[in-house]
C-alpha atoms as a PDB file:
ATOM      1  CA  UNK A   1    -107.557  95.896 -25.541  1.00  0.00           C
ATOM      2  CA  UNK A   2    -110.276  94.508 -27.739  1.00  0.00           C
ATOM      3  CA  UNK A   3    -112.534  96.945 -29.466  1.00  0.00           C
ATOM      4  CA  UNK A   4    -115.817  95.553 -30.693  1.00  0.00           C
ATOM      5  CA  UNK A   5    -117.878  97.548 -33.252  1.00  0.00           C
ATOM      6  CA  UNK A   6    -121.150  96.378 -34.491  1.00  0.00           C
ATOM      7  CA  UNK A   7    -122.727  99.321 -36.429  1.00  0.00           C
ATOM      8  CA  UNK A   8    -122.495 100.187 -40.004  1.00  0.00           C
ATOM      9  CA  UNK A   9    -119.834 102.801 -40.825  1.00  0.00           C
ATOM     10  CA  UNK A  10    -122.362 104.240 -43.288  1.00  0.00           C
ATOM     11  CA  UNK A  11    -124.866 104.912 -40.621  1.00  0.00           C
ATOM     12  CA  UNK A  12    -122.957 105.951 -37.545  1.00  0.00           C
ATOM     13  CA  UNK A  13    -119.637 107.391 -36.802  1.00  0.00           C
ATOM     14  CA  UNK A  14    -118.838 104.597 -34.266  1.00  0.00           C
ATOM     15  CA  UNK A  15    -116.131 103.001 -36.335  1.00  0.00           C
ATOM     16  CA  UNK A  16    -114.579 106.357 -36.809  1.00  0.00           C
ATOM     17  CA  UNK A  17    -114.511 107.153 -33.170  1.00  0.00           C
ATOM     18  CA  UNK A  18    -113.083 103.797 -32.397  1.00  0.00           C
ATOM     19  CA  UNK A  19    -110.344 104.178 -34.913  1.00  0.00           C
ATOM     20  CA  UNK A  20    -109.351 107.559 -33.381  1.00  0.00           C
ATOM     21  CA  UNK A  21    -109.165 105.876 -29.850  1.00  0.00           C
ATOM     22  CA  UNK A  22    -107.476 102.774 -30.636  1.00  0.00           C
ATOM     23  CA  UNK A  23    -103.883 102.473 -29.727  1.00  0.00           C
ATOM     24  CA  UNK A  24    -101.214 100.488 -31.731  1.00  0.00           C
ATOM     25  CA  UNK A  25    -101.327  96.874 -30.699  1.00  0.00           C
ATOM     26  CA  UNK A  26    -104.827  96.889 -29.795  1.00  0.00           C
ATOM     27  CA  UNK A  27    -107.486  94.505 -31.589  1.00  0.00           C
ATOM     28  CA  UNK A  28    -110.479  95.477 -33.352  1.00  0.00           C
ATOM     29  CA  UNK A  29    -113.459  93.095 -34.158  1.00  0.00           C
ATOM     30  CA  UNK A  30    -116.066  93.976 -36.658  1.00  0.00           C
ATOM     31  CA  UNK A  31    -119.364  92.241 -36.104  1.00  0.00           C
ATOM     32  CA  UNK A  32    -123.012  92.491 -37.397  1.00  0.00           C
ATOM     33  CA  UNK A  33    -123.411  95.576 -39.746  1.00  0.00           C
ATOM     34  CA  UNK A  34    -119.709  96.719 -38.963  1.00  0.00           C
ATOM     35  CA  UNK A  35    -118.490  93.925 -41.304  1.00  0.00           C
ATOM     36  CA  UNK A  36    -119.367  96.285 -44.119  1.00  0.00           C
ATOM     37  CA  UNK A  37    -116.249  98.060 -43.310  1.00  0.00           C
ATOM     38  CA  UNK A  38    -114.061  94.962 -43.968  1.00  0.00           C
ATOM     39  CA  UNK A  39    -114.893  95.037 -47.588  1.00  0.00           C
ATOM     40  CA  UNK A  40    -112.950  96.184 -50.618  1.00  0.00           C
ATOM     41  CA  UNK A  41    -114.454  98.956 -52.973  1.00  0.00           C
ATOM     42  CA  UNK A  42    -116.057 101.166 -50.249  1.00  0.00           C
ATOM     43  CA  UNK A  43    -115.132 104.794 -48.880  1.00  0.00           C
ATOM     44  CA  UNK A  44    -113.807 102.778 -45.782  1.00  0.00           C
ATOM     45  CA  UNK A  45    -111.477 100.478 -47.653  1.00  0.00           C
ATOM     46  CA  UNK A  46    -108.240 102.586 -47.288  1.00  0.00           C
ATOM     47  CA  UNK A  47    -108.998 103.815 -43.756  1.00  0.00           C
ATOM     48  CA  UNK A  48    -109.465  99.995 -42.518  1.00  0.00           C
ATOM     49  CA  UNK A  49    -106.365  99.039 -44.471  1.00  0.00           C
ATOM     50  CA  UNK A  50    -104.330 101.524 -42.624  1.00  0.00           C
ATOM     51  CA  UNK A  51    -105.939 100.497 -39.312  1.00  0.00           C
ATOM     52  CA  UNK A  52    -104.453  97.040 -40.347  1.00  0.00           C
ATOM     53  CA  UNK A  53    -101.082  98.362 -40.068  1.00  0.00           C
ATOM     54  CA  UNK A  54    -101.271  99.182 -36.443  1.00  0.00           C
ATOM     55  CA  UNK A  55    -104.199  97.131 -35.201  1.00  0.00           C
ATOM     56  CA  UNK A  56    -104.995  93.523 -35.339  1.00  0.00           C
ATOM     57  CA  UNK A  57    -108.485  93.674 -37.230  1.00  0.00           C
ATOM     58  CA  UNK A  58    -110.790  90.813 -37.108  1.00  0.00           C
ATOM     59  CA  UNK A  59    -114.255  90.252 -38.764  1.00  0.00           C
ATOM     60  CA  UNK A  60    -117.038  87.848 -37.631  1.00  0.00           C
ATOM     61  CA  UNK A  61    -117.269  85.212 -40.518  1.00  0.00           C
ATOM     62  CA  UNK A  62    -120.914  84.395 -39.929  1.00  0.00           C
ATOM     63  CA  UNK A  63    -121.912  88.091 -40.226  1.00  0.00           C
ATOM     64  CA  UNK A  64    -119.891  88.528 -43.634  1.00  0.00           C
ATOM     65  CA  UNK A  65    -121.500  85.195 -44.923  1.00  0.00           C
ATOM     66  CA  UNK A  66    -124.952  86.301 -43.950  1.00  0.00           C
ATOM     67  CA  UNK A  67    -124.464  89.637 -45.943  1.00  0.00           C
ATOM     68  CA  UNK A  68    -122.842  87.656 -48.868  1.00  0.00           C
ATOM     69  CA  UNK A  69    -119.566  89.767 -48.371  1.00  0.00           C
ATOM     70  CA  UNK A  70    -117.000  87.038 -47.738  1.00  0.00           C
ATOM     71  CA  UNK A  71    -115.519  87.341 -51.276  1.00  0.00           C
ATOM     72  CA  UNK A  72    -114.892  91.117 -50.784  1.00  0.00           C
ATOM     73  CA  UNK A  73    -112.747  90.901 -47.569  1.00  0.00           C
ATOM     74  CA  UNK A  74    -109.815  93.354 -47.298  1.00  0.00           C
ATOM     75  CA  UNK A  75    -106.406  91.734 -47.139  1.00  0.00           C
ATOM     76  CA  UNK A  76    -105.035  91.755 -43.643  1.00  0.00           C
ATOM     77  CA  UNK A  77    -108.314  91.076 -41.841  1.00  0.00           C
ATOM     78  CA  UNK A  78    -108.481  87.836 -39.981  1.00  0.00           C
ATOM     79  CA  UNK A  79    -111.791  85.963 -40.084  1.00  0.00           C
ATOM     80  CA  UNK A  80    -113.254  84.470 -36.803  1.00  0.00           C
ATOM     81  CA  UNK A  81    -116.123  82.276 -35.837  1.00  0.00           C
ATOM     82  CA  UNK A  82    -118.181  82.479 -32.643  1.00  0.00           C
ATOM     83  CA  UNK A  83    -115.461  80.390 -30.907  1.00  0.00           C
ATOM     84  CA  UNK A  84    -112.864  82.931 -32.189  1.00  0.00           C
ATOM     85  CA  UNK A  85    -114.870  85.768 -30.840  1.00  0.00           C
ATOM     86  CA  UNK A  86    -114.750  84.047 -27.297  1.00  0.00           C
ATOM     87  CA  UNK A  87    -111.105  83.315 -27.794  1.00  0.00           C
ATOM     88  CA  UNK A  88    -110.527  87.108 -28.407  1.00  0.00           C
ATOM     89  CA  UNK A  89    -112.360  88.196 -25.276  1.00  0.00           C
ATOM     90  CA  UNK A  90    -110.303  85.691 -23.177  1.00  0.00           C
ATOM     91  CA  UNK A  91    -106.973  86.784 -24.970  1.00  0.00           C
ATOM     92  CA  UNK A  92    -107.811  90.437 -24.082  1.00  0.00           C
ATOM     93  CA  UNK A  93    -108.626  91.045 -20.539  1.00  0.00           C
ATOM     94  CA  UNK A  94    -110.205  94.521 -21.424  1.00  0.00           C
ATOM     95  CA  UNK A  95    -112.820  95.071 -24.231  1.00  0.00           C
ATOM     96  CA  UNK A  96    -114.833  97.981 -25.300  1.00  0.00           C
ATOM     97  CA  UNK A  97    -118.147  97.578 -27.222  1.00  0.00           C
ATOM     98  CA  UNK A  98    -118.619 100.563 -29.241  1.00  0.00           C
ATOM     99  CA  UNK A  99    -122.377 101.050 -29.344  1.00  0.00           C
END
């Protein structure tokens, strides 16, 4: 399953709920303001690092770039472009957008 989160973890509990429900082997894609969770030096850094041990975690590169965060990416997160986003949706027959 592909989980897609687009809300900032500093404003909503969407990412927290997603991480609670995601099963080992699932994939997580952080887009829009959720990419803030993909950066080092925040209260979310350790929780996302732990998620990388059981989930395949991706972040949308254009959203990181737009926010000037690319240099602060947590190790273990894979960056994808829009084509990569499409590839992930094709690769995972089931997806859940956490709104």
